[in-house]
Amino acid sequence: MLSSWLVEEGYSYDLQRRYKKSRWLEPIGTGAVIRDNDRVGYEGAIYALQKQAGLSIHPGGRTALSLLGKAHYLELSAGKVFLFGGSREKLPAWFKKHHWDVQVDFFETSFLPKDLGLTEIEVKFFSIKISGAARAMMECLYLAPQKQGLMECYELMEGLNNLPPAQVQLLLENCQSVKVKRLFLYLAEKANHSWFTHLDVTKIDLGSGKRSIVRNGSFVEKYGITVSQELEEHEKRI
């Protein structure tokens, strides 16, 4: 719980200090508390940021795909969590200083509207918003290739065989990253997903000029991108 939110709920800072002295509440940094003897994961902190601070910070990328059960065949590091926030949104100091038993990588981005393509999942006794599968895939591509391998992105894309075309279309039309849009369409077509055929690419701004995603790779003329030779020559999983 955020101390500022508790004040809004009628628990003054003086009252909170008395609760701390009585060991009813335990501070986990300046500005946040937990009930004494509670163990709180990063999900509980995300809940507070979303529900009490009104922030759009959420688990995204391959973390969201894993939470959605879309990455079960990949060896994803359970010790690392990818969080995304909107432009000018920051993780508070208490969040960054607390040890959550996972490594947290936070990315402040504005390449997608902050409220578009999210979904809500149940975590223990509460719920939080995370990226839906299509948005999570785009977040993976936003990080590629520096923080997310292109081959892993393709393997993740292969598992997304039932995305709603209308939702994908809306995300692509509102996406501000040409790199992400071109890579997404390239990987979706390569994975031969049936929903890909229902997209209207003419309504998606793919920019102009070439984009070199990797150096010394293979040039994909249709999408004007240079990807790794390993990816371009890789055949769809049977």
C-alpha atoms as a PDB file:
ATOM      1  CA  MET A   1       0.000   0.000   0.000  1.00  0.00           C
ATOM      2  CA  LEU A   2       1.207   3.493  -0.828  1.00  0.00           C
ATOM      3  CA  SER A   3       1.453   5.870   2.127  1.00  0.00           C
ATOM      4  CA  SER A   4      -0.095   8.670   0.027  1.00  0.00           C
ATOM      5  CA  TRP A   5      -3.047   6.436  -0.861  1.00  0.00           C
ATOM      6  CA  LEU A   6      -3.602   5.541   2.799  1.00  0.00           C
ATOM      7  CA  VAL A   7      -3.805   9.262   3.597  1.00  0.00           C
ATOM      8  CA  GLU A   8      -6.537   9.610   0.960  1.00  0.00           C
ATOM      9  CA  GLU A   9      -8.323   6.699   2.635  1.00  0.00           C
ATOM     10  CA  GLY A  10      -8.278   8.496   5.989  1.00  0.00           C
ATOM     11  CA  TYR A  11      -5.072   7.136   7.543  1.00  0.00           C
ATOM     12  CA  SER A  12      -2.917  10.179   8.270  1.00  0.00           C
ATOM     13  CA  TYR A  13       0.868  10.012   8.284  1.00  0.00           C
ATOM     14  CA  ASP A  14       0.779  10.346  12.094  1.00  0.00           C
ATOM     15  CA  LEU A  15      -1.595   7.404  12.330  1.00  0.00           C
ATOM     16  CA  GLN A  16       0.598   5.407   9.972  1.00  0.00           C
ATOM     17  CA  ARG A  17       3.618   6.115  12.191  1.00  0.00           C
ATOM     18  CA  ARG A  18       1.709   4.787  15.201  1.00  0.00           C
ATOM     19  CA  TYR A  19       0.762   1.663  13.225  1.00  0.00           C
ATOM     20  CA  LYS A  20       4.430   1.149  12.374  1.00  0.00           C
ATOM     21  CA  LYS A  21       5.447   1.507  16.023  1.00  0.00           C
ATOM     22  CA  SER A  22       2.737  -0.995  16.954  1.00  0.00           C
ATOM     23  CA  ARG A  23       4.088  -3.282  14.217  1.00  0.00           C
ATOM     24  CA  TRP A  24       0.789  -3.423  12.387  1.00  0.00           C
ATOM     25  CA  LEU A  25       2.460  -1.941   9.339  1.00  0.00           C
ATOM     26  CA  GLU A  26       5.997  -2.420   8.065  1.00  0.00           C
ATOM     27  CA  PRO A  27       7.696   0.093   5.740  1.00  0.00           C
ATOM     28  CA  ILE A  28       9.419  -1.277   2.627  1.00  0.00           C
ATOM     29  CA  GLY A  29      10.972   2.056   1.792  1.00  0.00           C
ATOM     30  CA  THR A  30       9.895   5.668   1.818  1.00  0.00           C
ATOM     31  CA  GLY A  31       6.309   5.865   0.613  1.00  0.00           C
ATOM     32  CA  ALA A  32       5.111   2.255   0.803  1.00  0.00           C
ATOM     33  CA  VAL A  33       4.095  -0.180   3.547  1.00  0.00           C
ATOM     34  CA  ILE A  34       2.976  -3.770   3.927  1.00  0.00           C
ATOM     35  CA  ARG A  35       1.129  -5.530   6.724  1.00  0.00           C
ATOM     36  CA  ASP A  36       3.512  -6.864   9.323  1.00  0.00           C
ATOM     37  CA  ASN A  37       4.843 -10.342   8.473  1.00  0.00           C
ATOM     38  CA  ASP A  38       3.408 -10.233   4.931  1.00  0.00           C
ATOM     39  CA  ARG A  39       5.595 -11.370   2.048  1.00  0.00           C
ATOM     40  CA  VAL A  40       4.946  -9.260  -1.030  1.00  0.00           C
ATOM     41  CA  GLY A  41       6.154 -10.026  -4.546  1.00  0.00           C
ATOM     42  CA  TYR A  42       6.712  -7.544  -7.344  1.00  0.00           C
ATOM     43  CA  GLU A  43       3.131  -8.228  -8.479  1.00  0.00           C
ATOM     44  CA  GLY A  44       1.820  -6.640  -5.279  1.00  0.00           C
ATOM     45  CA  ALA A  45       3.928  -3.567  -5.967  1.00  0.00           C
ATOM     46  CA  ILE A  46       2.552  -3.407  -9.532  1.00  0.00           C
ATOM     47  CA  TYR A  47      -0.965  -3.605  -8.076  1.00  0.00           C
ATOM     48  CA  ALA A  48      -0.246  -0.570  -5.874  1.00  0.00           C
ATOM     49  CA  LEU A  49       1.256   1.421  -8.756  1.00  0.00           C
ATOM     50  CA  GLN A  50      -1.708   0.661 -11.025  1.00  0.00           C
ATOM     51  CA  LYS A  51      -4.635   0.834  -8.602  1.00  0.00           C
ATOM     52  CA  GLN A  52      -3.393   3.405  -6.098  1.00  0.00           C
ATOM     53  CA  ALA A  53      -1.043   5.642  -8.125  1.00  0.00           C
ATOM     54  CA  GLY A  54      -2.883   5.378 -11.456  1.00  0.00           C
ATOM     55  CA  LEU A  55       0.253   4.469 -13.401  1.00  0.00           C
ATOM     56  CA  SER A  56       0.309   2.314 -16.543  1.00  0.00           C
ATOM     57  CA  ILE A  57       3.457   0.413 -15.470  1.00  0.00           C
ATOM     58  CA  HIS A  58       2.884  -3.258 -16.275  1.00  0.00           C
ATOM     59  CA  PRO A  59       4.613  -6.583 -16.939  1.00  0.00           C
ATOM     60  CA  GLY A  60       5.223  -6.810 -20.664  1.00  0.00           C
ATOM     61  CA  GLY A  61       7.329  -8.486 -23.331  1.00  0.00           C
ATOM     62  CA  ARG A  62       8.267 -12.096 -22.693  1.00  0.00           C
ATOM     63  CA  THR A  63       7.268 -11.744 -19.013  1.00  0.00           C
ATOM     64  CA  ALA A  64       3.673 -11.107 -20.067  1.00  0.00           C
ATOM     65  CA  LEU A  65       3.784 -13.933 -22.619  1.00  0.00           C
ATOM     66  CA  SER A  66       5.011 -16.263 -19.905  1.00  0.00           C
ATOM     67  CA  LEU A  67       2.230 -15.165 -17.527  1.00  0.00           C
ATOM     68  CA  LEU A  68      -0.274 -15.795 -20.342  1.00  0.00           C
ATOM     69  CA  GLY A  69       1.113 -19.287 -20.935  1.00  0.00           C
ATOM     70  CA  LYS A  70       2.380 -18.347 -24.397  1.00  0.00           C
ATOM     71  CA  ALA A  71       6.043 -19.096 -23.775  1.00  0.00           C
ATOM     72  CA  HIS A  72       5.969 -22.531 -22.169  1.00  0.00           C
ATOM     73  CA  TYR A  73       8.335 -24.161 -24.644  1.00  0.00           C
ATOM     74  CA  LEU A  74      11.075 -21.568 -24.202  1.00  0.00           C
ATOM     75  CA  GLU A  75      13.559 -21.458 -21.376  1.00  0.00           C
ATOM     76  CA  LEU A  76      12.662 -18.066 -19.987  1.00  0.00           C
ATOM     77  CA  SER A  77      14.553 -16.776 -16.999  1.00  0.00           C
ATOM     78  CA  ALA A  78      12.200 -16.828 -14.021  1.00  0.00           C
ATOM     79  CA  GLY A  79      14.657 -14.541 -12.274  1.00  0.00           C
ATOM     80  CA  LYS A  80      14.100 -11.604 -14.649  1.00  0.00           C
ATOM     81  CA  VAL A  81      10.985  -9.480 -15.098  1.00  0.00           C
ATOM     82  CA  PHE A  82      10.365  -6.986 -17.903  1.00  0.00           C
ATOM     83  CA  LEU A  83       8.246  -3.987 -16.919  1.00  0.00           C
ATOM     84  CA  PHE A  84       7.050  -1.252 -19.265  1.00  0.00           C
ATOM     85  CA  GLY A  85       5.728   2.204 -18.477  1.00  0.00           C
ATOM     86  CA  GLY A  86       4.491   5.149 -20.458  1.00  0.00           C
ATOM     87  CA  SER A  87       6.395   8.283 -21.307  1.00  0.00           C
ATOM     88  CA  ARG A  88       7.703  10.062 -18.176  1.00  0.00           C
ATOM     89  CA  GLU A  89       6.527   7.248 -15.883  1.00  0.00           C
ATOM     90  CA  LYS A  90       9.186   6.116 -13.419  1.00  0.00           C
ATOM     91  CA  LEU A  91       9.528   3.365 -10.860  1.00  0.00           C
ATOM     92  CA  PRO A  92       9.517   4.967  -7.402  1.00  0.00           C
ATOM     93  CA  ALA A  93      12.639   4.736  -5.249  1.00  0.00           C
ATOM     94  CA  TRP A  94      11.047   2.279  -2.813  1.00  0.00           C
ATOM     95  CA  PHE A  95      10.321  -0.104  -5.686  1.00  0.00           C
ATOM     96  CA  LYS A  96      13.857   0.095  -7.088  1.00  0.00           C
ATOM     97  CA  LYS A  97      15.541  -0.310  -3.711  1.00  0.00           C
ATOM     98  CA  HIS A  98      13.457  -3.231  -2.456  1.00  0.00           C
ATOM     99  CA  HIS A  99      14.667  -6.766  -3.138  1.00  0.00           C
ATOM    100  CA  TRP A 100      11.889  -8.591  -5.017  1.00  0.00           C
ATOM    101  CA  ASP A 101      13.747 -11.902  -5.518  1.00  0.00           C
ATOM    102  CA  VAL A 102      13.776 -11.126  -9.256  1.00  0.00           C
ATOM    103  CA  GLN A 103      15.818  -8.842 -11.475  1.00  0.00           C
ATOM    104  CA  VAL A 104      13.579  -6.039 -12.737  1.00  0.00           C
ATOM    105  CA  ASP A 105      14.271  -4.441 -16.129  1.00  0.00           C
ATOM    106  CA  PHE A 106      12.126  -1.333 -16.633  1.00  0.00           C
ATOM    107  CA  PHE A 107      11.559   0.399 -19.960  1.00  0.00           C
ATOM    108  CA  GLU A 108       9.929   3.800 -20.345  1.00  0.00           C
ATOM    109  CA  THR A 109       8.384   3.832 -23.816  1.00  0.00           C
ATOM    110  CA  SER A 110       5.798   5.680 -25.871  1.00  0.00           C
ATOM    111  CA  PHE A 111       5.822   3.599 -29.062  1.00  0.00           C
ATOM    112  CA  LEU A 112       2.347   2.287 -28.179  1.00  0.00           C
ATOM    113  CA  PRO A 113      -0.557   4.087 -26.442  1.00  0.00           C
ATOM    114  CA  LYS A 114      -0.218   3.251 -22.758  1.00  0.00           C
ATOM    115  CA  ASP A 115      -3.695   1.729 -22.326  1.00  0.00           C
ATOM    116  CA  LEU A 116      -3.958  -0.172 -25.617  1.00  0.00           C
ATOM    117  CA  GLY A 117      -3.703  -3.954 -25.785  1.00  0.00           C
ATOM    118  CA  LEU A 118      -3.596  -4.684 -22.060  1.00  0.00           C
ATOM    119  CA  THR A 119      -5.391  -7.519 -20.281  1.00  0.00           C
ATOM    120  CA  GLU A 120      -6.087  -8.284 -16.625  1.00  0.00           C
ATOM    121  CA  ILE A 121      -4.952 -11.438 -14.842  1.00  0.00           C
ATOM    122  CA  GLU A 122      -5.562 -12.810 -11.365  1.00  0.00           C
ATOM    123  CA  VAL A 123      -2.517 -13.029  -9.081  1.00  0.00           C
ATOM    124  CA  LYS A 124      -3.233 -14.694  -5.737  1.00  0.00           C
ATOM    125  CA  PHE A 125      -5.954 -12.509  -4.176  1.00  0.00           C
ATOM    126  CA  PHE A 126      -5.837  -9.552  -6.536  1.00  0.00           C
ATOM    127  CA  SER A 127      -5.561  -8.716 -10.223  1.00  0.00           C
ATOM    128  CA  ILE A 128      -3.114  -6.642 -12.276  1.00  0.00           C
ATOM    129  CA  LYS A 129      -2.947  -5.444 -15.848  1.00  0.00           C
ATOM    130  CA  ILE A 130      -0.312  -6.940 -18.137  1.00  0.00           C
ATOM    131  CA  SER A 131       0.303  -6.764 -21.860  1.00  0.00           C
ATOM    132  CA  GLY A 132      -1.962  -8.923 -23.952  1.00  0.00           C
ATOM    133  CA  ALA A 133      -0.226 -11.352 -26.290  1.00  0.00           C
ATOM    134  CA  ALA A 134      -0.087  -9.039 -29.338  1.00  0.00           C
ATOM    135  CA  ARG A 135       1.200  -6.042 -27.394  1.00  0.00           C
ATOM    136  CA  ALA A 136       3.702  -8.243 -25.528  1.00  0.00           C
ATOM    137  CA  MET A 137       5.052  -9.504 -28.848  1.00  0.00           C
ATOM    138  CA  MET A 138       5.515  -5.932 -30.043  1.00  0.00           C
ATOM    139  CA  GLU A 139       7.326  -5.087 -26.810  1.00  0.00           C
ATOM    140  CA  CYS A 140       9.695  -7.996 -27.460  1.00  0.00           C
ATOM    141  CA  LEU A 141      10.402  -6.583 -30.916  1.00  0.00           C
ATOM    142  CA  TYR A 142      10.922  -3.123 -29.436  1.00  0.00           C
ATOM    143  CA  LEU A 143      13.779  -4.629 -27.393  1.00  0.00           C
ATOM    144  CA  ALA A 144      15.212  -6.625 -30.316  1.00  0.00           C
ATOM    145  CA  PRO A 145      17.925  -7.343 -31.100  1.00  0.00           C
ATOM    146  CA  GLN A 146      19.924  -5.763 -28.235  1.00  0.00           C
ATOM    147  CA  LYS A 147      17.892  -7.145 -25.320  1.00  0.00           C
ATOM    148  CA  GLN A 148      15.801  -9.781 -27.084  1.00  0.00           C
ATOM    149  CA  GLY A 149      17.126 -12.223 -29.664  1.00  0.00           C
ATOM    150  CA  LEU A 150      15.422 -12.279 -33.055  1.00  0.00           C
ATOM    151  CA  MET A 151      15.268 -16.077 -33.124  1.00  0.00           C
ATOM    152  CA  GLU A 152      13.563 -16.112 -29.736  1.00  0.00           C
ATOM    153  CA  CYS A 153      11.134 -13.491 -31.020  1.00  0.00           C
ATOM    154  CA  TYR A 154      10.278 -15.755 -33.941  1.00  0.00           C
ATOM    155  CA  GLU A 155       9.754 -18.729 -31.632  1.00  0.00           C
ATOM    156  CA  LEU A 156       7.448 -16.619 -29.495  1.00  0.00           C
ATOM    157  CA  MET A 157       5.568 -15.463 -32.605  1.00  0.00           C
ATOM    158  CA  GLU A 158       5.105 -19.078 -33.708  1.00  0.00           C
ATOM    159  CA  GLY A 159       3.078 -19.722 -30.564  1.00  0.00           C
ATOM    160  CA  LEU A 160       0.638 -16.882 -31.238  1.00  0.00           C
ATOM    161  CA  ASN A 161      -1.612 -18.713 -33.662  1.00  0.00           C
ATOM    162  CA  ASN A 162      -4.948 -17.324 -32.470  1.00  0.00           C
ATOM    163  CA  LEU A 163      -4.502 -13.569 -32.121  1.00  0.00           C
ATOM    164  CA  PRO A 164      -7.635 -11.504 -32.894  1.00  0.00           C
ATOM    165  CA  PRO A 165      -6.891  -9.755 -36.220  1.00  0.00           C
ATOM    166  CA  ALA A 166      -8.888  -6.634 -35.279  1.00  0.00           C
ATOM    167  CA  GLN A 167      -6.823  -6.154 -32.121  1.00  0.00           C
ATOM    168  CA  VAL A 168      -3.558  -6.700 -33.994  1.00  0.00           C
ATOM    169  CA  GLN A 169      -4.666  -4.234 -36.671  1.00  0.00           C
ATOM    170  CA  LEU A 170      -5.471  -1.578 -34.050  1.00  0.00           C
ATOM    171  CA  LEU A 171      -2.109  -2.000 -32.339  1.00  0.00           C
ATOM    172  CA  LEU A 172      -0.169  -1.844 -35.600  1.00  0.00           C
ATOM    173  CA  GLU A 173      -2.040   1.257 -36.766  1.00  0.00           C
ATOM    174  CA  ASN A 174      -1.254   2.998 -33.459  1.00  0.00           C
ATOM    175  CA  CYS A 175       2.341   1.787 -33.141  1.00  0.00           C
ATOM    176  CA  GLN A 176       4.921   4.568 -33.541  1.00  0.00           C
ATOM    177  CA  SER A 177       7.916   2.292 -34.229  1.00  0.00           C
ATOM    178  CA  VAL A 178       8.520   1.441 -37.878  1.00  0.00           C
ATOM    179  CA  LYS A 179      11.015  -1.229 -36.822  1.00  0.00           C
ATOM    180  CA  VAL A 180       8.448  -2.972 -34.630  1.00  0.00           C
ATOM    181  CA  LYS A 181       5.723  -2.897 -37.289  1.00  0.00           C
ATOM    182  CA  ARG A 182       7.929  -4.253 -40.057  1.00  0.00           C
ATOM    183  CA  LEU A 183       9.385  -6.995 -37.862  1.00  0.00           C
ATOM    184  CA  PHE A 184       5.960  -7.979 -36.543  1.00  0.00           C
ATOM    185  CA  LEU A 185       4.491  -8.379 -40.021  1.00  0.00           C
ATOM    186  CA  TYR A 186       7.575 -10.182 -41.285  1.00  0.00           C
ATOM    187  CA  LEU A 187       7.544 -12.704 -38.423  1.00  0.00           C
ATOM    188  CA  ALA A 188       3.769 -13.204 -38.562  1.00  0.00           C
ATOM    189  CA  GLU A 189       3.903 -13.937 -42.289  1.00  0.00           C
ATOM    190  CA  LYS A 190       6.918 -16.199 -41.833  1.00  0.00           C
ATOM    191  CA  ALA A 191       5.040 -18.145 -39.138  1.00  0.00           C
ATOM    192  CA  ASN A 192       2.182 -18.537 -41.634  1.00  0.00           C
ATOM    193  CA  HIS A 193      -0.521 -17.513 -39.159  1.00  0.00           C
ATOM    194  CA  SER A 194      -4.046 -17.516 -40.568  1.00  0.00           C
ATOM    195  CA  TRP A 195      -4.869 -14.233 -38.793  1.00  0.00           C
ATOM    196  CA  PHE A 196      -2.143 -12.501 -40.786  1.00  0.00           C
ATOM    197  CA  THR A 197      -4.235 -12.780 -43.962  1.00  0.00           C
ATOM    198  CA  HIS A 198      -6.999 -10.716 -42.318  1.00  0.00           C
ATOM    199  CA  LEU A 199      -4.746  -7.699 -41.706  1.00  0.00           C
ATOM    200  CA  ASP A 200      -5.055  -4.634 -43.941  1.00  0.00           C
ATOM    201  CA  VAL A 201      -1.406  -3.671 -44.367  1.00  0.00           C
ATOM    202  CA  THR A 202      -2.355  -0.665 -46.529  1.00  0.00           C
ATOM    203  CA  LYS A 203      -3.659   1.064 -43.368  1.00  0.00           C
ATOM    204  CA  ILE A 204      -0.374   0.551 -41.486  1.00  0.00           C
ATOM    205  CA  ASP A 205       2.320   3.205 -41.865  1.00  0.00           C
ATOM    206  CA  LEU A 206       5.535   1.272 -42.522  1.00  0.00           C
ATOM    207  CA  GLY A 207       7.612   4.377 -43.203  1.00  0.00           C
ATOM    208  CA  SER A 208      10.179   4.665 -45.973  1.00  0.00           C
ATOM    209  CA  GLY A 209      13.749   3.592 -46.491  1.00  0.00           C
ATOM    210  CA  LYS A 210      15.579   0.537 -45.247  1.00  0.00           C
ATOM    211  CA  ARG A 211      16.006  -0.595 -41.641  1.00  0.00           C
ATOM    212  CA  SER A 212      19.090  -2.560 -40.665  1.00  0.00           C
ATOM    213  CA  ILE A 213      18.057  -4.584 -37.618  1.00  0.00           C
ATOM    214  CA  VAL A 214      21.393  -6.449 -37.561  1.00  0.00           C
ATOM    215  CA  ARG A 215      24.708  -5.919 -39.332  1.00  0.00           C
ATOM    216  CA  ASN A 216      25.840  -8.201 -42.147  1.00  0.00           C
ATOM    217  CA  GLY A 217      22.505 -10.018 -42.236  1.00  0.00           C
ATOM    218  CA  SER A 218      20.007 -10.952 -44.925  1.00  0.00           C
ATOM    219  CA  PHE A 219      17.938  -8.224 -46.555  1.00  0.00           C
ATOM    220  CA  VAL A 220      14.185  -8.883 -46.713  1.00  0.00           C
ATOM    221  CA  GLU A 221      13.071  -6.764 -49.651  1.00  0.00           C
ATOM    222  CA  LYS A 222       9.321  -6.950 -48.991  1.00  0.00           C
ATOM    223  CA  TYR A 223       9.679  -5.278 -45.578  1.00  0.00           C
ATOM    224  CA  GLY A 224      12.895  -3.361 -46.180  1.00  0.00           C
ATOM    225  CA  ILE A 225      14.671  -4.855 -43.177  1.00  0.00           C
ATOM    226  CA  THR A 226      17.980  -6.624 -42.654  1.00  0.00           C
ATOM    227  CA  VAL A 227      17.638  -9.564 -40.239  1.00  0.00           C
ATOM    228  CA  SER A 228      19.994 -12.308 -39.185  1.00  0.00           C
ATOM    229  CA  GLN A 229      20.745 -14.930 -41.799  1.00  0.00           C
ATOM    230  CA  GLU A 230      19.796 -17.609 -39.256  1.00  0.00           C
ATOM    231  CA  LEU A 231      16.297 -16.178 -38.966  1.00  0.00           C
ATOM    232  CA  GLU A 232      15.748 -15.605 -42.681  1.00  0.00           C
ATOM    233  CA  GLU A 233      16.811 -19.150 -43.543  1.00  0.00           C
ATOM    234  CA  HIS A 234      14.920 -20.759 -40.652  1.00  0.00           C
ATOM    235  CA  GLU A 235      11.986 -22.917 -41.682  1.00  0.00           C
ATOM    236  CA  LYS A 236       8.683 -22.912 -39.823  1.00  0.00           C
ATOM    237  CA  ARG A 237       8.484 -25.436 -36.988  1.00  0.00           C
ATOM    238  CA  ILE A 238       6.610 -28.553 -38.090  1.00  0.00           C
END
